[in-house]
Structures are given as structure tokens and as C-alpha cells.
Amino acid sequence: MPKRKEEEIFAPLGEKDSWHAYSLQILNTSKFTAVVGQILKGNYSLVLTRGAENTENKEQRAN
């Protein structure tokens, strides 16, 4: 019978500081407003989707 492996030890999870627009949609209202407030303050970042990046580029070209 093979020896049991020792339990793997992982680093503790840190605070989530990058948010995807889709993950914001599933938050309850109070958590959503807290996260959006931190994004607007610059403490958290918003990960742009491919479609959002394309829209932003089109707007810049139009100006």
C-alpha cells in the first residue's frame, strides 16, 4: 500500500483586487457598491473584456 502524501499547504488567499464585469453582476447590492467604490478610488482594478476593449478603441478612433 503506497504511503499517504502529506497534506499540501497553500498560501492564504489575499484580498481580491482585480474584478471582471461579469463577477460584479452576481454580487449583492451592498457588496457591489463597496467594490465599485474601491474601483473608483483606484484601490481595485476592473478587468476589461475583449468586447469592451474593442468598443473603447472604436471610440478613440472616432474622436
PDB file of N, CA and C in Angstrom:
ATOM      1  N   MET A   1       0.851  -1.173   0.000  1.00  0.00           N
ATOM      2  CA  MET A   1       0.000   0.000   0.000  1.00  0.00           C
ATOM      3  C   MET A   1       0.900   1.240   0.000  1.00  0.00           C
ATOM      4  N   PRO A   2       0.654   2.200  -0.935  1.00  0.00           N
ATOM      5  CA  PRO A   2       1.509   3.393  -1.004  1.00  0.00           C
ATOM      6  C   PRO A   2       1.314   4.276   0.233  1.00  0.00           C
ATOM      7  N   LYS A   3       2.380   4.987   0.561  1.00  0.00           N
ATOM      8  CA  LYS A   3       2.315   5.912   1.686  1.00  0.00           C
ATOM      9  C   LYS A   3       1.377   7.067   1.357  1.00  0.00           C
ATOM     10  N   ARG A   4       0.725   7.566   2.375  1.00  0.00           N
ATOM     11  CA  ARG A   4      -0.136   8.733   2.176  1.00  0.00           C
ATOM     12  C   ARG A   4       0.737   9.967   1.998  1.00  0.00           C
ATOM     13  N   LYS A   5       0.310  10.796   1.106  1.00  0.00           N
ATOM     14  CA  LYS A   5       1.023  12.056   0.919  1.00  0.00           C
ATOM     15  C   LYS A   5       0.678  12.989   2.068  1.00  0.00           C
ATOM     16  N   GLU A   6       1.624  13.807   2.428  1.00  0.00           N
ATOM     17  CA  GLU A   6       1.334  14.807   3.450  1.00  0.00           C
ATOM     18  C   GLU A   6       0.347  15.819   2.879  1.00  0.00           C
ATOM     19  N   GLU A   7      -0.440  16.396   3.746  1.00  0.00           N
ATOM     20  CA  GLU A   7      -1.411  17.383   3.307  1.00  0.00           C
ATOM     21  C   GLU A   7      -0.689  18.584   2.720  1.00  0.00           C
ATOM     22  N   GLU A   8      -1.125  18.990   1.548  1.00  0.00           N
ATOM     23  CA  GLU A   8      -0.495  20.123   0.889  1.00  0.00           C
ATOM     24  C   GLU A   8      -0.847  21.415   1.617  1.00  0.00           C
ATOM     25  N   ILE A   9       0.127  22.271   1.765  1.00  0.00           N
ATOM     26  CA  ILE A   9      -0.087  23.548   2.433  1.00  0.00           C
ATOM     27  C   ILE A   9      -0.042  24.642   1.379  1.00  0.00           C
ATOM     28  N   PHE A  10      -1.094  25.430   1.329  1.00  0.00           N
ATOM     29  CA  PHE A  10      -1.192  26.502   0.359  1.00  0.00           C
ATOM     30  C   PHE A  10      -1.064  27.848   1.062  1.00  0.00           C
ATOM     31  N   ALA A  11      -0.629  28.837   0.319  1.00  0.00           N
ATOM     32  CA  ALA A  11      -0.556  30.191   0.855  1.00  0.00           C
ATOM     33  C   ALA A  11      -1.973  30.708   1.074  1.00  0.00           C
ATOM     34  N   PRO A  12      -2.167  31.537   2.087  1.00  0.00           N
ATOM     35  CA  PRO A  12      -3.513  32.087   2.301  1.00  0.00           C
ATOM     36  C   PRO A  12      -3.909  33.011   1.154  1.00  0.00           C
ATOM     37  N   LEU A  13      -5.193  33.013   0.868  1.00  0.00           N
ATOM     38  CA  LEU A  13      -5.687  33.866  -0.208  1.00  0.00           C
ATOM     39  C   LEU A  13      -5.665  35.320   0.223  1.00  0.00           C
ATOM     40  N   GLY A  14      -5.259  36.187  -0.664  1.00  0.00           N
ATOM     41  CA  GLY A  14      -5.235  37.614  -0.379  1.00  0.00           C
ATOM     42  C   GLY A  14      -6.558  38.255  -0.763  1.00  0.00           C
ATOM     43  N   GLU A  15      -6.617  39.538  -0.612  1.00  0.00           N
ATOM     44  CA  GLU A  15      -7.815  40.280  -0.973  1.00  0.00           C
ATOM     45  C   GLU A  15      -7.905  40.381  -2.489  1.00  0.00           C
ATOM     46  N   LYS A  16      -9.092  40.167  -3.020  1.00  0.00           N
ATOM     47  CA  LYS A  16      -9.292  40.256  -4.465  1.00  0.00           C
ATOM     48  C   LYS A  16      -9.234  41.720  -4.877  1.00  0.00           C
ATOM     49  N   ASP A  17      -8.313  42.061  -5.772  1.00  0.00           N
ATOM     50  CA  ASP A  17      -8.170  43.465  -6.160  1.00  0.00           C
ATOM     51  C   ASP A  17      -8.376  43.704  -7.655  1.00  0.00           C
ATOM     52  N   SER A  18      -8.653  42.653  -8.401  1.00  0.00           N
ATOM     53  CA  SER A  18      -8.978  42.787  -9.822  1.00  0.00           C
ATOM     54  C   SER A  18     -10.345  42.169 -10.039  1.00  0.00           C
ATOM     55  N   TRP A  19     -11.240  42.931 -10.630  1.00  0.00           N
ATOM     56  CA  TRP A  19     -12.618  42.487 -10.797  1.00  0.00           C
ATOM     57  C   TRP A  19     -12.996  42.469 -12.266  1.00  0.00           C
ATOM     58  N   HIS A  20     -13.700  41.437 -12.670  1.00  0.00           N
ATOM     59  CA  HIS A  20     -14.235  41.315 -14.011  1.00  0.00           C
ATOM     60  C   HIS A  20     -15.684  41.792 -13.967  1.00  0.00           C
ATOM     61  N   ALA A  21     -16.142  42.419 -15.014  1.00  0.00           N
ATOM     62  CA  ALA A  21     -17.500  42.959 -15.048  1.00  0.00           C
ATOM     63  C   ALA A  21     -18.548  41.874 -14.792  1.00  0.00           C
ATOM     64  N   TYR A  22     -18.312  40.670 -15.285  1.00  0.00           N
ATOM     65  CA  TYR A  22     -19.275  39.588 -15.088  1.00  0.00           C
ATOM     66  C   TYR A  22     -19.342  39.171 -13.622  1.00  0.00           C
ATOM     67  N   SER A  23     -18.216  39.207 -12.911  1.00  0.00           N
ATOM     68  CA  SER A  23     -18.240  38.822 -11.500  1.00  0.00           C
ATOM     69  C   SER A  23     -18.935  39.883 -10.652  1.00  0.00           C
ATOM     70  N   LEU A  24     -18.961  41.119 -11.106  1.00  0.00           N
ATOM     71  CA  LEU A  24     -19.676  42.167 -10.374  1.00  0.00           C
ATOM     72  C   LEU A  24     -21.185  41.965 -10.452  1.00  0.00           C
ATOM     73  N   GLN A  25     -21.658  41.347 -11.528  1.00  0.00           N
ATOM     74  CA  GLN A  25     -23.091  41.170 -11.734  1.00  0.00           C
ATOM     75  C   GLN A  25     -23.731  40.246 -10.713  1.00  0.00           C
ATOM     76  N   ILE A  26     -22.962  39.326 -10.141  1.00  0.00           N
ATOM     77  CA  ILE A  26     -23.551  38.350  -9.220  1.00  0.00           C
ATOM     78  C   ILE A  26     -23.476  38.793  -7.761  1.00  0.00           C
ATOM     79  N   LEU A  27     -22.875  39.947  -7.489  1.00  0.00           N
ATOM     80  CA  LEU A  27     -22.752  40.410  -6.113  1.00  0.00           C
ATOM     81  C   LEU A  27     -24.068  40.985  -5.606  1.00  0.00           C
ATOM     82  N   ASN A  28     -24.285  40.886  -4.290  1.00  0.00           N
ATOM     83  CA  ASN A  28     -25.462  41.548  -3.727  1.00  0.00           C
ATOM     84  C   ASN A  28     -25.214  43.057  -3.737  1.00  0.00           C
ATOM     85  N   THR A  29     -26.238  43.824  -3.500  1.00  0.00           N
ATOM     86  CA  THR A  29     -26.178  45.278  -3.674  1.00  0.00           C
ATOM     87  C   THR A  29     -25.112  45.935  -2.804  1.00  0.00           C
ATOM     88  N   SER A  30     -25.034  45.556  -1.542  1.00  0.00           N
ATOM     89  CA  SER A  30     -24.076  46.217  -0.645  1.00  0.00           C
ATOM     90  C   SER A  30     -22.632  45.895  -1.032  1.00  0.00           C
ATOM     91  N   LYS A  31     -22.360  44.642  -1.397  1.00  0.00           N
ATOM     92  CA  LYS A  31     -21.004  44.260  -1.816  1.00  0.00           C
ATOM     93  C   LYS A  31     -20.653  44.945  -3.139  1.00  0.00           C
ATOM     94  N   PHE A  32     -21.626  45.010  -4.053  1.00  0.00           N
ATOM     95  CA  PHE A  32     -21.407  45.653  -5.347  1.00  0.00           C
ATOM     96  C   PHE A  32     -21.012  47.115  -5.161  1.00  0.00           C
ATOM     97  N   THR A  33     -21.761  47.842  -4.343  1.00  0.00           N
ATOM     98  CA  THR A  33     -21.450  49.267  -4.153  1.00  0.00           C
ATOM     99  C   THR A  33     -20.100  49.449  -3.466  1.00  0.00           C
ATOM    100  N   ALA A  34     -19.748  48.556  -2.552  1.00  0.00           N
ATOM    101  CA  ALA A  34     -18.445  48.647  -1.887  1.00  0.00           C
ATOM    102  C   ALA A  34     -17.309  48.427  -2.885  1.00  0.00           C
ATOM    103  N   VAL A  35     -17.453  47.431  -3.744  1.00  0.00           N
ATOM    104  CA  VAL A  35     -16.408  47.121  -4.728  1.00  0.00           C
ATOM    105  C   VAL A  35     -16.297  48.241  -5.759  1.00  0.00           C
ATOM    106  N   VAL A  36     -17.423  48.731  -6.258  1.00  0.00           N
ATOM    107  CA  VAL A  36     -17.397  49.810  -7.249  1.00  0.00           C
ATOM    108  C   VAL A  36     -16.771  51.065  -6.640  1.00  0.00           C
ATOM    109  N   GLY A  37     -17.058  51.343  -5.386  1.00  0.00           N
ATOM    110  CA  GLY A  37     -16.429  52.477  -4.708  1.00  0.00           C
ATOM    111  C   GLY A  37     -14.911  52.336  -4.662  1.00  0.00           C
ATOM    112  N   GLN A  38     -14.433  51.122  -4.388  1.00  0.00           N
ATOM    113  CA  GLN A  38     -12.990  50.886  -4.363  1.00  0.00           C
ATOM    114  C   GLN A  38     -12.382  50.996  -5.766  1.00  0.00           C
ATOM    115  N   ILE A  39     -13.123  50.567  -6.791  1.00  0.00           N
ATOM    116  CA  ILE A  39     -12.638  50.701  -8.171  1.00  0.00           C
ATOM    117  C   ILE A  39     -12.511  52.179  -8.534  1.00  0.00           C
ATOM    118  N   LEU A  40     -13.524  52.963  -8.172  1.00  0.00           N
ATOM    119  CA  LEU A  40     -13.493  54.393  -8.496  1.00  0.00           C
ATOM    120  C   LEU A  40     -12.391  55.129  -7.739  1.00  0.00           C
ATOM    121  N   LYS A  41     -12.067  54.674  -6.541  1.00  0.00           N
ATOM    122  CA  LYS A  41     -10.975  55.274  -5.768  1.00  0.00           C
ATOM    123  C   LYS A  41      -9.602  54.875  -6.314  1.00  0.00           C
ATOM    124  N   GLY A  42      -9.574  53.822  -7.112  1.00  0.00           N
ATOM    125  CA  GLY A  42      -8.311  53.355  -7.680  1.00  0.00           C
ATOM    126  C   GLY A  42      -7.653  52.257  -6.870  1.00  0.00           C
ATOM    127  N   ASN A  43      -8.324  51.755  -5.823  1.00  0.00           N
ATOM    128  CA  ASN A  43      -7.758  50.687  -4.999  1.00  0.00           C
ATOM    129  C   ASN A  43      -7.888  49.324  -5.666  1.00  0.00           C
ATOM    130  N   TYR A  44      -8.932  49.134  -6.450  1.00  0.00           N
ATOM    131  CA  TYR A  44      -9.163  47.897  -7.189  1.00  0.00           C
ATOM    132  C   TYR A  44      -9.133  48.232  -8.670  1.00  0.00           C
ATOM    133  N   SER A  45      -8.894  47.212  -9.485  1.00  0.00           N
ATOM    134  CA  SER A  45      -8.902  47.442 -10.929  1.00  0.00           C
ATOM    135  C   SER A  45     -10.024  46.637 -11.572  1.00  0.00           C
ATOM    136  N   LEU A  46     -10.487  47.114 -12.700  1.00  0.00           N
ATOM    137  CA  LEU A  46     -11.539  46.452 -13.461  1.00  0.00           C
ATOM    138  C   LEU A  46     -10.896  45.821 -14.684  1.00  0.00           C
ATOM    139  N   VAL A  47     -11.085  44.524 -14.841  1.00  0.00           N
ATOM    140  CA  VAL A  47     -10.536  43.802 -15.981  1.00  0.00           C
ATOM    141  C   VAL A  47     -11.501  43.966 -17.136  1.00  0.00           C
ATOM    142  N   LEU A  48     -11.020  44.533 -18.216  1.00  0.00           N
ATOM    143  CA  LEU A  48     -11.869  44.770 -19.385  1.00  0.00           C
ATOM    144  C   LEU A  48     -12.028  43.494 -20.191  1.00  0.00           C
ATOM    145  N   THR A  49     -13.224  43.304 -20.732  1.00  0.00           N
ATOM    146  CA  THR A  49     -13.466  42.168 -21.612  1.00  0.00           C
ATOM    147  C   THR A  49     -13.002  42.532 -23.012  1.00  0.00           C
ATOM    148  N   ARG A  50     -12.902  41.552 -23.826  1.00  0.00           N
ATOM    149  CA  ARG A  50     -12.447  41.799 -25.192  1.00  0.00           C
ATOM    150  C   ARG A  50     -13.389  42.751 -25.922  1.00  0.00           C
ATOM    151  N   GLY A  51     -14.690  42.595 -25.726  1.00  0.00           N
ATOM    152  CA  GLY A  51     -15.663  43.468 -26.373  1.00  0.00           C
ATOM    153  C   GLY A  51     -15.547  44.896 -25.879  1.00  0.00           C
ATOM    154  N   ALA A  52     -15.292  45.077 -24.588  1.00  0.00           N
ATOM    155  CA  ALA A  52     -15.157  46.421 -24.035  1.00  0.00           C
ATOM    156  C   ALA A  52     -13.909  47.103 -24.578  1.00  0.00           C
ATOM    157  N   GLU A  53     -12.840  46.334 -24.743  1.00  0.00           N
ATOM    158  CA  GLU A  53     -11.615  46.911 -25.296  1.00  0.00           C
ATOM    159  C   GLU A  53     -11.841  47.370 -26.724  1.00  0.00           C
ATOM    160  N   ASN A  54     -12.581  46.571 -27.498  1.00  0.00           N
ATOM    161  CA  ASN A  54     -12.865  46.949 -28.882  1.00  0.00           C
ATOM    162  C   ASN A  54     -13.723  48.202 -28.941  1.00  0.00           C
ATOM    163  N   THR A  55     -14.699  48.316 -28.054  1.00  0.00           N
ATOM    164  CA  THR A  55     -15.562  49.495 -28.016  1.00  0.00           C
ATOM    165  C   THR A  55     -14.744  50.729 -27.670  1.00  0.00           C
ATOM    166  N   GLU A  56     -13.843  50.598 -26.705  1.00  0.00           N
ATOM    167  CA  GLU A  56     -13.007  51.726 -26.290  1.00  0.00           C
ATOM    168  C   GLU A  56     -12.115  52.180 -27.442  1.00  0.00           C
ATOM    169  N   ASN A  57     -11.536  51.240 -28.171  1.00  0.00           N
ATOM    170  CA  ASN A  57     -10.681  51.581 -29.307  1.00  0.00           C
ATOM    171  C   ASN A  57     -11.471  52.280 -30.403  1.00  0.00           C
ATOM    172  N   LYS A  58     -12.707  51.832 -30.662  1.00  0.00           N
ATOM    173  CA  LYS A  58     -13.541  52.474 -31.681  1.00  0.00           C
ATOM    174  C   LYS A  58     -13.873  53.901 -31.297  1.00  0.00           C
ATOM    175  N   GLU A  59     -14.155  54.131 -30.004  1.00  0.00           N
ATOM    176  CA  GLU A  59     -14.463  55.479 -29.542  1.00  0.00           C
ATOM    177  C   GLU A  59     -13.249  56.401 -29.688  1.00  0.00           C
ATOM    178  N   GLN A  60     -12.074  55.887 -29.406  1.00  0.00           N
ATOM    179  CA  GLN A  60     -10.858  56.707 -29.527  1.00  0.00           C
ATOM    180  C   GLN A  60     -10.592  57.045 -30.992  1.00  0.00           C
ATOM    181  N   ARG A  61     -10.829  56.105 -31.887  1.00  0.00           N
ATOM    182  CA  ARG A  61     -10.616  56.366 -33.317  1.00  0.00           C
ATOM    183  C   ARG A  61     -11.608  57.387 -33.853  1.00  0.00           C
ATOM    184  N   ALA A  62     -12.833  57.365 -33.301  1.00  0.00           N
ATOM    185  CA  ALA A  62     -13.881  58.275 -33.760  1.00  0.00           C
ATOM    186  C   ALA A  62     -13.561  59.720 -33.386  1.00  0.00           C
ATOM    187  N   ASN A  63     -12.843  59.901 -32.268  1.00  0.00           N
ATOM    188  CA  ASN A  63     -12.512  61.267 -31.816  1.00  0.00           C
ATOM    189  C   ASN A  63     -11.302  61.737 -32.512  1.00  0.00           C
TER     190      ASN A  63
END
